[in-house]
Amino acid sequence: MARQAAESSLADSGFTAACKFPQDLWPVEIDQRQMEQVICNLVLNARESEPRDQLVRVEAANERLAVARGGLEPGDYVWLIDPALKTIVISGYAFDNTLRDFTQHGFCDAIAKPFDVTTLKRVLERNGV
């Protein structure tokens, strides 16, 4: 389903979906139509942000969380994401736990609002973006 949604979202666009799903991917309970819409939106956003690449990567992976992280309780999860994706949290709340402990929530860095272009550039460069 995920592969078909990604490929159909890119039909006639000149882009290719590079899908990688392990054979031992755990089964999940989802609303198929909602998940198709989510995948289509993610793929279209990726296409718009990478006009040079012509390749949109869609990967899934199993992960067992031993401790709570990013608002998720310990347990088994299936991730649908580009594993090379680097995410930065931006918040206007100085005492936001996510901003303060960003790595515990799955982010590579954090920026507090308000910020200027110099701050954004420094954070992007620090993270190799």
C-alpha atoms as a PDB file:
ATOM      1  CA  MET A   1       0.000   0.000   0.000  1.00  0.00           C
ATOM      2  CA  ALA A   2       2.750   2.478   0.929  1.00  0.00           C
ATOM      3  CA  ARG A   3       4.735   1.768  -2.238  1.00  0.00           C
ATOM      4  CA  GLN A   4       1.649   2.151  -4.437  1.00  0.00           C
ATOM      5  CA  ALA A   5       0.649   5.438  -2.734  1.00  0.00           C
ATOM      6  CA  ALA A   6       4.159   6.872  -3.164  1.00  0.00           C
ATOM      7  CA  GLU A   7       4.453   5.814  -6.796  1.00  0.00           C
ATOM      8  CA  SER A   8       0.988   7.048  -7.763  1.00  0.00           C
ATOM      9  CA  SER A   9       1.708  10.430  -6.122  1.00  0.00           C
ATOM     10  CA  LEU A  10       4.712  10.854  -8.409  1.00  0.00           C
ATOM     11  CA  ALA A  11       3.088   9.613 -11.632  1.00  0.00           C
ATOM     12  CA  ASP A  12       3.935  11.813 -14.638  1.00  0.00           C
ATOM     13  CA  SER A  13       6.133  14.107 -12.510  1.00  0.00           C
ATOM     14  CA  GLY A  14       9.558  12.904 -13.638  1.00  0.00           C
ATOM     15  CA  PHE A  15      10.300  11.784 -10.066  1.00  0.00           C
ATOM     16  CA  THR A  16      10.905   8.248  -8.876  1.00  0.00           C
ATOM     17  CA  ALA A  17       9.915   6.727  -5.549  1.00  0.00           C
ATOM     18  CA  ALA A  18      12.735   4.706  -3.994  1.00  0.00           C
ATOM     19  CA  CYS A  19      10.889   2.476  -1.537  1.00  0.00           C
ATOM     20  CA  LYS A  20      12.671   0.246   0.957  1.00  0.00           C
ATOM     21  CA  PHE A  21      10.627  -1.956   3.250  1.00  0.00           C
ATOM     22  CA  PRO A  22      12.266  -4.816   5.167  1.00  0.00           C
ATOM     23  CA  GLN A  23      10.816  -8.303   4.771  1.00  0.00           C
ATOM     24  CA  ASP A  24      10.329  -8.560   8.539  1.00  0.00           C
ATOM     25  CA  LEU A  25       8.359  -5.307   8.865  1.00  0.00           C
ATOM     26  CA  TRP A  26       5.870  -5.697  11.709  1.00  0.00           C
ATOM     27  CA  PRO A  27       2.148  -5.620  10.888  1.00  0.00           C
ATOM     28  CA  VAL A  28       0.260  -2.488  11.940  1.00  0.00           C
ATOM     29  CA  GLU A  29      -3.380  -1.561  12.451  1.00  0.00           C
ATOM     30  CA  ILE A  30      -4.170   1.549  10.389  1.00  0.00           C
ATOM     31  CA  ASP A  31      -6.923   3.261   8.494  1.00  0.00           C
ATOM     32  CA  GLN A  32      -5.681   2.485   4.977  1.00  0.00           C
ATOM     33  CA  ARG A  33      -7.253   5.550   3.335  1.00  0.00           C
ATOM     34  CA  GLN A  34      -5.810   7.916   5.941  1.00  0.00           C
ATOM     35  CA  MET A  35      -2.360   6.343   5.616  1.00  0.00           C
ATOM     36  CA  GLU A  36      -2.493   6.606   1.822  1.00  0.00           C
ATOM     37  CA  GLN A  37      -3.323  10.305   2.178  1.00  0.00           C
ATOM     38  CA  VAL A  38      -0.476  10.826   4.648  1.00  0.00           C
ATOM     39  CA  ILE A  39       2.014   9.117   2.331  1.00  0.00           C
ATOM     40  CA  CYS A  40       0.789  11.070  -0.694  1.00  0.00           C
ATOM     41  CA  ASN A  41       1.171  14.373   1.188  1.00  0.00           C
ATOM     42  CA  LEU A  42       4.653  13.481   2.467  1.00  0.00           C
ATOM     43  CA  VAL A  43       5.803  12.413  -0.987  1.00  0.00           C
ATOM     44  CA  LEU A  44       4.422  15.552  -2.635  1.00  0.00           C
ATOM     45  CA  ASN A  45       6.101  17.745   0.003  1.00  0.00           C
ATOM     46  CA  ALA A  46       9.397  15.914  -0.535  1.00  0.00           C
ATOM     47  CA  ARG A  47       9.098  16.373  -4.292  1.00  0.00           C
ATOM     48  CA  GLU A  48       8.515  20.095  -3.900  1.00  0.00           C
ATOM     49  CA  SER A  49      11.466  20.521  -1.533  1.00  0.00           C
ATOM     50  CA  GLU A  50      13.965  18.568  -3.677  1.00  0.00           C
ATOM     51  CA  PRO A  51      13.458  19.680  -7.268  1.00  0.00           C
ATOM     52  CA  ARG A  52      17.028  18.724  -8.233  1.00  0.00           C
ATOM     53  CA  ASP A  53      17.107  15.192  -6.866  1.00  0.00           C
ATOM     54  CA  GLN A  54      14.249  13.615  -8.873  1.00  0.00           C
ATOM     55  CA  LEU A  55      14.185  10.842  -6.268  1.00  0.00           C
ATOM     56  CA  VAL A  56      11.907  10.580  -3.240  1.00  0.00           C
ATOM     57  CA  ARG A  57      12.947   8.037  -0.616  1.00  0.00           C
ATOM     58  CA  VAL A  58      10.307   6.204   1.389  1.00  0.00           C
ATOM     59  CA  GLU A  59      11.514   3.738   3.996  1.00  0.00           C
ATOM     60  CA  ALA A  60      10.007   1.875   6.902  1.00  0.00           C
ATOM     61  CA  ALA A  61      11.687   0.287   9.897  1.00  0.00           C
ATOM     62  CA  ASN A  62      10.806  -1.536  13.077  1.00  0.00           C
ATOM     63  CA  GLU A  63      11.852  -0.031  16.397  1.00  0.00           C
ATOM     64  CA  ARG A  64      11.354  -1.254  19.921  1.00  0.00           C
ATOM     65  CA  LEU A  65      11.409   1.593  22.437  1.00  0.00           C
ATOM     66  CA  ALA A  66      12.621   0.444  25.825  1.00  0.00           C
ATOM     67  CA  VAL A  67      11.905   3.844  27.385  1.00  0.00           C
ATOM     68  CA  ALA A  68       9.460   6.637  26.557  1.00  0.00           C
ATOM     69  CA  ARG A  69      10.669   9.042  23.850  1.00  0.00           C
ATOM     70  CA  GLY A  70       9.081  11.956  22.039  1.00  0.00           C
ATOM     71  CA  GLY A  71       5.728  11.473  23.719  1.00  0.00           C
ATOM     72  CA  LEU A  72       5.649   7.760  22.855  1.00  0.00           C
ATOM     73  CA  GLU A  73       5.365   5.095  25.503  1.00  0.00           C
ATOM     74  CA  PRO A  74       7.746   2.115  25.487  1.00  0.00           C
ATOM     75  CA  GLY A  75       6.644  -0.456  22.926  1.00  0.00           C
ATOM     76  CA  ASP A  76       6.937  -1.647  19.339  1.00  0.00           C
ATOM     77  CA  TYR A  77       6.668   0.910  16.528  1.00  0.00           C
ATOM     78  CA  VAL A  78       6.937   0.964  12.757  1.00  0.00           C
ATOM     79  CA  TRP A  79       8.476   4.151  11.361  1.00  0.00           C
ATOM     80  CA  LEU A  80       7.717   5.439   7.883  1.00  0.00           C
ATOM     81  CA  ILE A  81      10.333   8.088   7.206  1.00  0.00           C
ATOM     82  CA  ASP A  82      13.496   8.946   5.344  1.00  0.00           C
ATOM     83  CA  PRO A  83      16.157   7.715   7.796  1.00  0.00           C
ATOM     84  CA  ALA A  84      18.513  10.512   6.730  1.00  0.00           C
ATOM     85  CA  LEU A  85      15.950  13.156   7.673  1.00  0.00           C
ATOM     86  CA  LYS A  86      17.216  15.742  10.128  1.00  0.00           C
ATOM     87  CA  THR A  87      14.508  17.525  12.076  1.00  0.00           C
ATOM     88  CA  ILE A  88      14.836  20.713  14.093  1.00  0.00           C
ATOM     89  CA  VAL A  89      12.234  21.806  16.631  1.00  0.00           C
ATOM     90  CA  ILE A  90      11.293  25.497  16.682  1.00  0.00           C
ATOM     91  CA  SER A  91       9.242  26.846  19.567  1.00  0.00           C
ATOM     92  CA  GLY A  92       8.279  30.167  21.063  1.00  0.00           C
ATOM     93  CA  TYR A  93       7.940  28.672  24.537  1.00  0.00           C
ATOM     94  CA  ALA A  94      11.246  28.978  26.384  1.00  0.00           C
ATOM     95  CA  PHE A  95      10.260  26.378  28.974  1.00  0.00           C
ATOM     96  CA  ASP A  96       9.036  23.830  26.425  1.00  0.00           C
ATOM     97  CA  ASN A  97      10.335  20.361  27.384  1.00  0.00           C
ATOM     98  CA  THR A  98      10.711  19.449  23.718  1.00  0.00           C
ATOM     99  CA  LEU A  99      12.904  22.484  23.114  1.00  0.00           C
ATOM    100  CA  ARG A 100      15.006  21.838  26.198  1.00  0.00           C
ATOM    101  CA  ASP A 101      15.435  18.058  25.677  1.00  0.00           C
ATOM    102  CA  PHE A 102      15.186  17.968  21.879  1.00  0.00           C
ATOM    103  CA  THR A 103      17.309  14.825  21.400  1.00  0.00           C
ATOM    104  CA  GLN A 104      14.989  12.893  23.712  1.00  0.00           C
ATOM    105  CA  HIS A 105      12.148  13.800  21.351  1.00  0.00           C
ATOM    106  CA  GLY A 106      13.906  12.704  18.157  1.00  0.00           C
ATOM    107  CA  PHE A 107      15.168  16.113  16.966  1.00  0.00           C
ATOM    108  CA  CYS A 108      18.754  16.867  15.974  1.00  0.00           C
ATOM    109  CA  ASP A 109      18.642  20.486  17.219  1.00  0.00           C
ATOM    110  CA  ALA A 110      16.388  23.243  18.543  1.00  0.00           C
ATOM    111  CA  ILE A 111      15.784  26.936  17.908  1.00  0.00           C
ATOM    112  CA  ALA A 112      13.874  29.257  20.226  1.00  0.00           C
ATOM    113  CA  LYS A 113      11.633  31.956  18.742  1.00  0.00           C
ATOM    114  CA  PRO A 114      12.187  34.675  17.852  1.00  0.00           C
ATOM    115  CA  PHE A 115      15.316  33.940  15.837  1.00  0.00           C
ATOM    116  CA  ASP A 116      17.116  35.553  12.944  1.00  0.00           C
ATOM    117  CA  VAL A 117      18.589  34.207   9.724  1.00  0.00           C
ATOM    118  CA  THR A 118      22.076  34.055  11.250  1.00  0.00           C
ATOM    119  CA  THR A 119      20.844  31.746  14.017  1.00  0.00           C
ATOM    120  CA  LEU A 120      19.023  29.521  11.530  1.00  0.00           C
ATOM    121  CA  LYS A 121      22.094  29.355   9.282  1.00  0.00           C
ATOM    122  CA  ARG A 122      24.344  28.426  12.231  1.00  0.00           C
ATOM    123  CA  VAL A 123      22.013  25.611  13.347  1.00  0.00           C
ATOM    124  CA  LEU A 124      21.674  24.267   9.797  1.00  0.00           C
ATOM    125  CA  GLU A 125      25.438  24.308   9.260  1.00  0.00           C
ATOM    126  CA  ARG A 126      26.046  22.651  12.639  1.00  0.00           C
ATOM    127  CA  ASN A 127      23.793  19.801  11.500  1.00  0.00           C
ATOM    128  CA  GLY A 128      25.238  19.472   8.007  1.00  0.00           C
ATOM    129  CA  VAL A 129      22.124  20.749   6.272  1.00  0.00           C
END
